[in-house]
Amino acid sequence: MPLGLIEADAGNIDRAAALWKPAFERAPGRSSLGINLARALCLSGHGEESKRAIERVLEFNPDSSTARGMLKQLERGEVKCEDK
């Protein structure tokens, strides 16, 4: 299991985000990295960063139904990422 997932499963959301961010920057075409990063950022209260990560996923993978769904939920206010 990747370290980011291990940290997230252990409740270390900020640590998971810190691991996924540089990985996604190096490999922006890997949607799973960006989606995991966006979820972790949202859970840790970084809504705008989360939205930017999802938008970046869609730049490289416009057919990602997961990313499109996440973006719609954020834009509709269905998901709250309390900004810090």
N, C-alpha and C. Protein backbone atom coordinates (compact mmCIF):
# COMPACT_ATOMS: atom_id res chain seq x y z
N MET A 1 0.86 -1.18 0.00
CA MET A 1 0.00 0.00 0.00
C MET A 1 0.90 1.24 0.00
N PRO A 2 0.61 2.22 -0.85
CA PRO A 2 1.42 3.45 -0.89
C PRO A 2 1.39 4.19 0.45
N LEU A 3 2.48 4.84 0.75
CA LEU A 3 2.64 5.52 2.04
C LEU A 3 1.56 6.57 2.28
N GLY A 4 1.17 7.31 1.24
CA GLY A 4 0.11 8.31 1.41
C GLY A 4 -1.18 7.68 1.90
N LEU A 5 -1.53 6.53 1.36
CA LEU A 5 -2.74 5.84 1.80
C LEU A 5 -2.60 5.32 3.23
N ILE A 6 -1.42 4.85 3.57
CA ILE A 6 -1.18 4.38 4.94
C ILE A 6 -1.37 5.53 5.92
N GLU A 7 -0.79 6.68 5.59
CA GLU A 7 -0.92 7.85 6.47
C GLU A 7 -2.38 8.29 6.57
N ALA A 8 -3.09 8.32 5.44
CA ALA A 8 -4.50 8.71 5.46
C ALA A 8 -5.33 7.74 6.30
N ASP A 9 -5.10 6.45 6.11
CA ASP A 9 -5.83 5.43 6.87
C ASP A 9 -5.56 5.56 8.37
N ALA A 10 -4.37 6.03 8.71
CA ALA A 10 -4.02 6.20 10.13
C ALA A 10 -4.54 7.53 10.68
N GLY A 11 -5.19 8.32 9.83
CA GLY A 11 -5.73 9.60 10.28
C GLY A 11 -4.76 10.75 10.17
N ASN A 12 -3.62 10.52 9.56
CA ASN A 12 -2.60 11.56 9.40
C ASN A 12 -2.83 12.27 8.04
N ILE A 13 -3.92 13.01 7.96
CA ILE A 13 -4.35 13.60 6.69
C ILE A 13 -3.36 14.63 6.19
N ASP A 14 -2.85 15.48 7.08
CA ASP A 14 -1.87 16.49 6.65
C ASP A 14 -0.61 15.82 6.11
N ARG A 15 -0.18 14.76 6.75
CA ARG A 15 1.01 14.02 6.29
C ARG A 15 0.74 13.37 4.93
N ALA A 16 -0.44 12.80 4.77
CA ALA A 16 -0.80 12.20 3.49
C ALA A 16 -0.78 13.24 2.38
N ALA A 17 -1.35 14.41 2.64
CA ALA A 17 -1.35 15.49 1.65
C ALA A 17 0.07 15.92 1.32
N ALA A 18 0.92 15.98 2.35
CA ALA A 18 2.32 16.37 2.13
C ALA A 18 3.06 15.36 1.26
N LEU A 19 2.65 14.11 1.30
CA LEU A 19 3.26 13.08 0.45
C LEU A 19 2.70 13.12 -0.97
N TRP A 20 1.39 13.32 -1.09
CA TRP A 20 0.76 13.30 -2.41
C TRP A 20 1.07 14.54 -3.23
N LYS A 21 1.27 15.68 -2.58
CA LYS A 21 1.48 16.92 -3.33
C LYS A 21 2.70 16.86 -4.25
N PRO A 22 3.89 16.53 -3.76
CA PRO A 22 5.03 16.48 -4.68
C PRO A 22 4.91 15.34 -5.69
N ALA A 23 4.27 14.26 -5.30
CA ALA A 23 4.08 13.15 -6.25
C ALA A 23 3.19 13.60 -7.40
N PHE A 24 2.13 14.32 -7.10
CA PHE A 24 1.21 14.80 -8.14
C PHE A 24 1.87 15.87 -8.99
N GLU A 25 2.72 16.69 -8.38
CA GLU A 25 3.46 17.71 -9.15
C GLU A 25 4.40 17.05 -10.16
N ARG A 26 5.00 15.92 -9.78
CA ARG A 26 5.91 15.20 -10.67
C ARG A 26 5.17 14.40 -11.74
N ALA A 27 3.96 13.95 -11.40
CA ALA A 27 3.21 13.09 -12.33
C ALA A 27 1.75 13.55 -12.40
N PRO A 28 1.51 14.73 -12.97
CA PRO A 28 0.15 15.27 -12.98
C PRO A 28 -0.83 14.46 -13.83
N GLY A 29 -0.35 13.58 -14.64
CA GLY A 29 -1.22 12.73 -15.43
C GLY A 29 -1.80 11.57 -14.66
N ARG A 30 -1.30 11.34 -13.46
CA ARG A 30 -1.82 10.24 -12.62
C ARG A 30 -2.97 10.77 -11.78
N SER A 31 -4.16 10.58 -12.31
CA SER A 31 -5.37 11.13 -11.68
C SER A 31 -5.52 10.72 -10.22
N SER A 32 -5.18 9.48 -9.91
CA SER A 32 -5.38 9.00 -8.54
C SER A 32 -4.59 9.84 -7.53
N LEU A 33 -3.40 10.28 -7.92
CA LEU A 33 -2.61 11.13 -7.02
C LEU A 33 -3.32 12.44 -6.76
N GLY A 34 -3.82 13.07 -7.81
CA GLY A 34 -4.51 14.35 -7.66
C GLY A 34 -5.81 14.23 -6.90
N ILE A 35 -6.54 13.16 -7.14
CA ILE A 35 -7.81 12.95 -6.44
C ILE A 35 -7.56 12.69 -4.96
N ASN A 36 -6.57 11.86 -4.65
CA ASN A 36 -6.23 11.63 -3.24
C ASN A 36 -5.75 12.91 -2.58
N LEU A 37 -4.94 13.68 -3.29
CA LEU A 37 -4.47 14.96 -2.76
C LEU A 37 -5.65 15.88 -2.49
N ALA A 38 -6.57 16.00 -3.45
CA ALA A 38 -7.73 16.87 -3.29
C ALA A 38 -8.57 16.47 -2.09
N ARG A 39 -8.78 15.18 -1.91
CA ARG A 39 -9.56 14.70 -0.76
C ARG A 39 -8.87 15.04 0.55
N ALA A 40 -7.56 14.81 0.60
CA ALA A 40 -6.82 15.10 1.83
C ALA A 40 -6.83 16.59 2.13
N LEU A 41 -6.64 17.41 1.08
CA LEU A 41 -6.66 18.86 1.29
C LEU A 41 -8.02 19.32 1.81
N CYS A 42 -9.07 18.77 1.25
CA CYS A 42 -10.42 19.13 1.69
C CYS A 42 -10.62 18.73 3.16
N LEU A 43 -10.24 17.51 3.49
CA LEU A 43 -10.40 17.03 4.86
C LEU A 43 -9.58 17.84 5.86
N SER A 44 -8.47 18.40 5.39
CA SER A 44 -7.63 19.19 6.30
C SER A 44 -7.96 20.68 6.23
N GLY A 45 -9.05 21.02 5.54
CA GLY A 45 -9.53 22.40 5.56
C GLY A 45 -8.94 23.33 4.53
N HIS A 46 -8.45 22.79 3.45
CA HIS A 46 -7.85 23.61 2.40
C HIS A 46 -8.69 23.50 1.12
N GLY A 47 -9.87 24.10 1.16
CA GLY A 47 -10.83 23.98 0.09
C GLY A 47 -10.37 24.50 -1.25
N GLU A 48 -9.75 25.67 -1.27
CA GLU A 48 -9.31 26.24 -2.54
C GLU A 48 -8.19 25.40 -3.16
N GLU A 49 -7.28 24.95 -2.33
CA GLU A 49 -6.21 24.07 -2.83
C GLU A 49 -6.78 22.76 -3.36
N SER A 50 -7.78 22.26 -2.67
CA SER A 50 -8.43 21.03 -3.09
C SER A 50 -9.06 21.22 -4.47
N LYS A 51 -9.75 22.32 -4.64
CA LYS A 51 -10.38 22.61 -5.93
C LYS A 51 -9.34 22.74 -7.04
N ARG A 52 -8.23 23.39 -6.74
CA ARG A 52 -7.17 23.54 -7.75
C ARG A 52 -6.58 22.18 -8.14
N ALA A 53 -6.45 21.29 -7.17
CA ALA A 53 -5.93 19.95 -7.47
C ALA A 53 -6.89 19.21 -8.39
N ILE A 54 -8.18 19.32 -8.13
CA ILE A 54 -9.17 18.66 -8.98
C ILE A 54 -9.13 19.25 -10.39
N GLU A 55 -9.04 20.56 -10.47
CA GLU A 55 -8.97 21.22 -11.78
C GLU A 55 -7.73 20.77 -12.54
N ARG A 56 -6.64 20.57 -11.84
CA ARG A 56 -5.40 20.10 -12.47
C ARG A 56 -5.58 18.66 -12.99
N VAL A 57 -6.26 17.83 -12.21
CA VAL A 57 -6.56 16.47 -12.68
C VAL A 57 -7.31 16.55 -14.00
N LEU A 58 -8.29 17.43 -14.06
CA LEU A 58 -9.12 17.54 -15.25
C LEU A 58 -8.36 18.11 -16.45
N GLU A 59 -7.31 18.88 -16.20
CA GLU A 59 -6.48 19.36 -17.30
C GLU A 59 -5.82 18.18 -18.02
N PHE A 60 -5.38 17.21 -17.26
CA PHE A 60 -4.65 16.06 -17.81
C PHE A 60 -5.57 14.89 -18.14
N ASN A 61 -6.72 14.83 -17.47
CA ASN A 61 -7.65 13.73 -17.69
C ASN A 61 -9.08 14.27 -17.66
N PRO A 62 -9.49 14.96 -18.72
CA PRO A 62 -10.82 15.58 -18.74
C PRO A 62 -11.97 14.58 -18.66
N ASP A 63 -11.70 13.32 -18.89
CA ASP A 63 -12.74 12.30 -18.82
C ASP A 63 -12.89 11.67 -17.44
N SER A 64 -12.15 12.17 -16.46
CA SER A 64 -12.22 11.60 -15.12
C SER A 64 -13.57 11.93 -14.48
N SER A 65 -14.43 10.93 -14.43
CA SER A 65 -15.75 11.15 -13.84
C SER A 65 -15.64 11.41 -12.34
N THR A 66 -14.65 10.83 -11.70
CA THR A 66 -14.45 11.07 -10.26
C THR A 66 -14.10 12.53 -10.02
N ALA A 67 -13.15 13.07 -10.79
CA ALA A 67 -12.76 14.46 -10.62
C ALA A 67 -13.90 15.41 -10.97
N ARG A 68 -14.61 15.11 -12.06
CA ARG A 68 -15.75 15.96 -12.44
C ARG A 68 -16.80 15.97 -11.34
N GLY A 69 -17.08 14.80 -10.78
CA GLY A 69 -18.05 14.71 -9.70
C GLY A 69 -17.62 15.46 -8.46
N MET A 70 -16.35 15.34 -8.11
CA MET A 70 -15.83 16.07 -6.95
C MET A 70 -15.94 17.57 -7.15
N LEU A 71 -15.59 18.04 -8.34
CA LEU A 71 -15.64 19.47 -8.63
C LEU A 71 -17.08 19.97 -8.55
N LYS A 72 -18.02 19.24 -9.10
CA LYS A 72 -19.43 19.63 -9.03
C LYS A 72 -19.90 19.71 -7.58
N GLN A 73 -19.51 18.73 -6.77
CA GLN A 73 -19.92 18.73 -5.36
C GLN A 73 -19.36 19.96 -4.64
N LEU A 74 -18.11 20.29 -4.92
CA LEU A 74 -17.52 21.47 -4.29
C LEU A 74 -18.22 22.75 -4.75
N GLU A 75 -18.46 22.85 -6.04
CA GLU A 75 -19.08 24.06 -6.59
C GLU A 75 -20.52 24.23 -6.11
N ARG A 76 -21.22 23.14 -5.90
CA ARG A 76 -22.60 23.20 -5.42
C ARG A 76 -22.69 23.36 -3.91
N GLY A 77 -21.57 23.26 -3.24
CA GLY A 77 -21.58 23.36 -1.78
C GLY A 77 -22.02 22.07 -1.10
N GLU A 78 -22.05 20.97 -1.85
CA GLU A 78 -22.44 19.69 -1.27
C GLU A 78 -21.36 19.12 -0.37
N VAL A 79 -20.13 19.55 -0.61
CA VAL A 79 -18.99 19.15 0.20
C VAL A 79 -18.40 20.43 0.78
N LYS A 80 -18.17 20.42 2.04
CA LYS A 80 -17.60 21.59 2.72
C LYS A 80 -16.16 21.30 3.10
N CYS A 81 -15.27 22.12 2.60
CA CYS A 81 -13.86 22.06 2.97
C CYS A 81 -13.57 23.36 3.70
N GLU A 82 -13.76 23.36 4.97
CA GLU A 82 -13.57 24.58 5.74
C GLU A 82 -12.17 25.11 5.52
N ASP A 83 -12.07 26.28 4.90
CA ASP A 83 -10.76 26.87 4.64
C ASP A 83 -10.11 27.34 5.93
N LYS A 84 -8.81 27.05 6.00
CA LYS A 84 -8.02 27.48 7.18
C LYS A 84 -7.33 28.77 6.85
